C-alpha atoms as a PDB file:
ATOM      1  CA  MET A   1     138.714 117.123  59.106  1.00  0.00           C
ATOM      2  CA  SER A   2     136.399 114.678  59.508  1.00  0.00           C
ATOM      3  CA  LYS A   3     132.627 115.701  61.889  1.00  0.00           C
ATOM      4  CA  GLN A   4     134.139 113.050  64.031  1.00  0.00           C
ATOM      5  CA  VAL A   5     137.593 114.289  64.675  1.00  0.00           C
ATOM      6  CA  LYS A   6     136.055 118.225  65.295  1.00  0.00           C
ATOM      7  CA  ILE A   7     133.844 116.730  67.780  1.00  0.00           C
ATOM      8  CA  ALA A   8     136.538 115.159  69.655  1.00  0.00           C
ATOM      9  CA  ILE A   9     139.056 117.462  69.380  1.00  0.00           C
ATOM     10  CA  HIS A  10     136.417 120.366  71.006  1.00  0.00           C
ATOM     11  CA  MET A  11     135.682 117.872  74.289  1.00  0.00           C
ATOM     12  CA  ALA A  12     139.222 117.208  74.844  1.00  0.00           C
ATOM     13  CA  ASP A  13     139.482 121.155  74.177  1.00  0.00           C
ATOM     14  CA  THR A  14     135.951 121.311  76.916  1.00  0.00           C
ATOM     15  CA  TYR A  15     137.780 119.241  79.253  1.00  0.00           C
ATOM     16  CA  ILE A  16     141.502 120.728  79.365  1.00  0.00           C
ATOM     17  CA  GLY A  17     139.632 124.045  79.764  1.00  0.00           C
ATOM     18  CA  ILE A  18     137.498 122.929  82.740  1.00  0.00           C
ATOM     19  CA  LEU A  19     140.564 121.203  84.407  1.00  0.00           C
ATOM     20  CA  LYS A  20     142.738 124.393  83.645  1.00  0.00           C
ATOM     21  CA  LYS A  21     140.193 126.321  85.518  1.00  0.00           C
ATOM     22  CA  ILE A  22     141.119 124.914  88.599  1.00  0.00           C
ATOM     23  CA  GLY A  23     144.744 124.713  88.242  1.00  0.00           C
ATOM     24  CA  VAL A  24     144.946 120.762  87.586  1.00  0.00           C
ATOM     25  CA  GLN A  25     148.398 120.827  84.628  1.00  0.00           C
ATOM     26  CA  PRO A  26     149.203 117.534  82.452  1.00  0.00           C
ATOM     27  CA  GLN A  27     150.974 114.631  83.800  1.00  0.00           C
ATOM     28  CA  GLN A  28     150.780 110.805  82.390  1.00  0.00           C
ATOM     29  CA  ILE A  29     150.717 108.859  85.732  1.00  0.00           C
ATOM     30  CA  LYS A  30     151.763 105.245  85.527  1.00  0.00           C
ATOM     31  CA  ASP A  31     151.548 104.629  89.433  1.00  0.00           C
ATOM     32  CA  ILE A  32     148.989 105.663  91.879  1.00  0.00           C
ATOM     33  CA  THR A  33     147.908 104.231  95.648  1.00  0.00           C
ATOM     34  CA  ILE A  34     144.180 102.916  95.153  1.00  0.00           C
ATOM     35  CA  VAL A  35     142.331 100.299  97.494  1.00  0.00           C
ATOM     36  CA  LYS A  36     142.132  97.348  96.400  1.00  0.00           C
ATOM     37  CA  ASP A  37     140.256  94.757  98.186  1.00  0.00           C
ATOM     38  CA  GLY A  38     139.962  96.401 101.238  1.00  0.00           C
ATOM     39  CA  LYS A  39     143.491  97.103 101.633  1.00  0.00           C
ATOM     40  CA  THR A  40     145.333 100.432 100.612  1.00  0.00           C
ATOM     41  CA  VAL A  41     148.316  99.557  97.454  1.00  0.00           C
ATOM     42  CA  THR A  42     150.467 101.722  96.883  1.00  0.00           C
ATOM     43  CA  ILE A  43     152.053 101.489  92.961  1.00  0.00           C
ATOM     44  CA  LYS A  44     154.378 104.379  93.926  1.00  0.00           C
ATOM     45  CA  ALA A  45     153.624 108.005  92.663  1.00  0.00           C
ATOM     46  CA  HIS A  46     153.998 111.702  94.767  1.00  0.00           C
ATOM     47  CA  SER A  47     152.909 110.710  97.809  1.00  0.00           C
ATOM     48  CA  HIS A  48     152.556 113.412  98.891  1.00  0.00           C
ATOM     49  CA  LEU A  49     149.700 114.972  96.797  1.00  0.00           C
ATOM     50  CA  PRO A  50     146.449 113.428  97.763  1.00  0.00           C
ATOM     51  CA  VAL A  51     145.347 110.921  94.747  1.00  0.00           C
ATOM     52  CA  ARG A  52     142.523 112.706  93.650  1.00  0.00           C
ATOM     53  CA  TYR A  53     144.996 114.746  92.152  1.00  0.00           C
ATOM     54  CA  TYR A  54     147.000 112.698  90.624  1.00  0.00           C
ATOM     55  CA  ARG A  55     143.677 111.384  88.328  1.00  0.00           C
ATOM     56  CA  LEU A  56     142.795 114.730  87.302  1.00  0.00           C
ATOM     57  CA  ARG A  57     146.404 115.571  86.509  1.00  0.00           C
ATOM     58  CA  HIS A  58     146.336 112.137  83.724  1.00  0.00           C
ATOM     59  CA  VAL A  59     143.044 113.228  82.514  1.00  0.00           C
ATOM     60  CA  MET A  60     143.407 116.535  81.744  1.00  0.00           C
ATOM     61  CA  TRP A  61     147.141 114.313  79.808  1.00  0.00           C
ATOM     62  CA  MET A  62     145.016 111.847  78.488  1.00  0.00           C
ATOM     63  CA  ALA A  63     142.336 114.911  76.944  1.00  0.00           C
ATOM     64  CA  GLY A  64     145.823 116.340  75.063  1.00  0.00           C
ATOM     65  CA  GLU A  65     146.572 113.119  73.879  1.00  0.00           C
ATOM     66  CA  VAL A  66     142.669 112.510  72.780  1.00  0.00           C
ATOM     67  CA  LYS A  67     143.367 115.609  70.058  1.00  0.00           C
ATOM     68  CA  ASN A  68     146.361 114.078  68.448  1.00  0.00           C
ATOM     69  CA  ILE A  69     144.932 110.894  68.541  1.00  0.00           C
ATOM     70  CA  ALA A  70     141.441 112.245  66.426  1.00  0.00           C
ATOM     71  CA  ALA A  71     143.729 114.522  64.767  1.00  0.00           C
ATOM     72  CA  LYS A  72     145.613 110.882  63.307  1.00  0.00           C
ATOM     73  CA  GLY A  73     142.464 109.382  62.868  1.00  0.00           C
ATOM     74  CA  ASN A  74     141.741 106.923  65.357  1.00  0.00           C
ATOM     75  CA  ILE A  75     137.937 107.831  66.439  1.00  0.00           C
ATOM     76  CA  ALA A  76     137.382 104.741  67.730  1.00  0.00           C
ATOM     77  CA  LYS A  77     140.289 105.225  70.314  1.00  0.00           C
ATOM     78  CA  ALA A  78     139.634 108.827  71.130  1.00  0.00           C
ATOM     79  CA  GLN A  79     136.345 108.443  71.222  1.00  0.00           C
ATOM     80  CA  ARG A  80     136.910 105.307  74.516  1.00  0.00           C
ATOM     81  CA  TRP A  81     139.250 107.977  76.248  1.00  0.00           C
ATOM     82  CA  LEU A  82     136.768 110.699  75.657  1.00  0.00           C
ATOM     83  CA  GLY A  83     134.643 108.571  77.445  1.00  0.00           C
ATOM     84  CA  PHE A  84     136.992 107.162  80.109  1.00  0.00           C
ATOM     85  CA  ILE A  85     137.796 110.981  81.009  1.00  0.00           C
ATOM     86  CA  GLN A  86     134.416 112.344  81.299  1.00  0.00           C
ATOM     87  CA  GLY A  87     133.555 109.134  83.615  1.00  0.00           C
ATOM     88  CA  VAL A  88     136.299 110.422  85.491  1.00  0.00           C
ATOM     89  CA  LEU A  89     135.167 114.228  85.348  1.00  0.00           C
ATOM     90  CA  TRP A  90     131.429 113.133  86.416  1.00  0.00           C
ATOM     91  CA  GLY A  91     133.399 111.160  89.418  1.00  0.00           C
ATOM     92  CA  HIS A  92     134.591 114.162  90.662  1.00  0.00           C
ATOM     93  CA  GLU A  93     131.501 116.598  90.078  1.00  0.00           C
ATOM     94  CA  LEU A  94     133.471 118.568  87.808  1.00  0.00           C
ATOM     95  CA  ARG A  95     130.712 117.839  84.904  1.00  0.00           C
ATOM     96  CA  THR A  96     127.006 116.577  85.574  1.00  0.00           C
ATOM     97  CA  VAL A  97     125.347 114.084  83.483  1.00  0.00           C
ATOM     98  CA  GLU A  98     123.353 116.420  81.089  1.00  0.00           C
ATOM     99  CA  GLU A  99     126.437 118.140  80.545  1.00  0.00           C
ATOM    100  CA  LEU A 100     127.993 115.492  79.836  1.00  0.00           C
ATOM    101  CA  ARG A 101     125.690 114.556  77.211  1.00  0.00           C
ATOM    102  CA  LYS A 102     125.565 118.271  75.922  1.00  0.00           C
ATOM    103  CA  ASP A 103     128.896 117.655  75.154  1.00  0.00           C
ATOM    104  CA  ASN A 104     128.130 114.682  73.036  1.00  0.00           C
ATOM    105  CA  GLN A 105     126.242 116.544  71.001  1.00  0.00           C
ATOM    106  CA  TYR A 106     128.478 119.619  69.086  1.00  0.00           C
ATOM    107  CA  HIS A 107     127.124 121.892  66.716  1.00  0.00           C
ATOM    108  CA  GLU A 108     130.256 123.780  64.566  1.00  0.00           C
END
């Protein structure tokens, strides 16, 4: 297993652990309510939960997928997905920029 694959899997496991601690379950979300151009646009989602919850569920699902993507050798895609995951975690104040920098510096 290459170092890049190990790093991607380690990072995905780290983010899965963070999300598990706050009770997030993985779920691929294909539709959601968003605000676009000042208007609320509902794109089918389970309306009884806040949008934040769906974003985190989707990111949890993505982190699990990153492990599979990396293991198959598609490092570029795994890195793109990890970047997205990191942005969501930072945006939801679950990770600081400094913590994200450290995540990127995996050591065996």
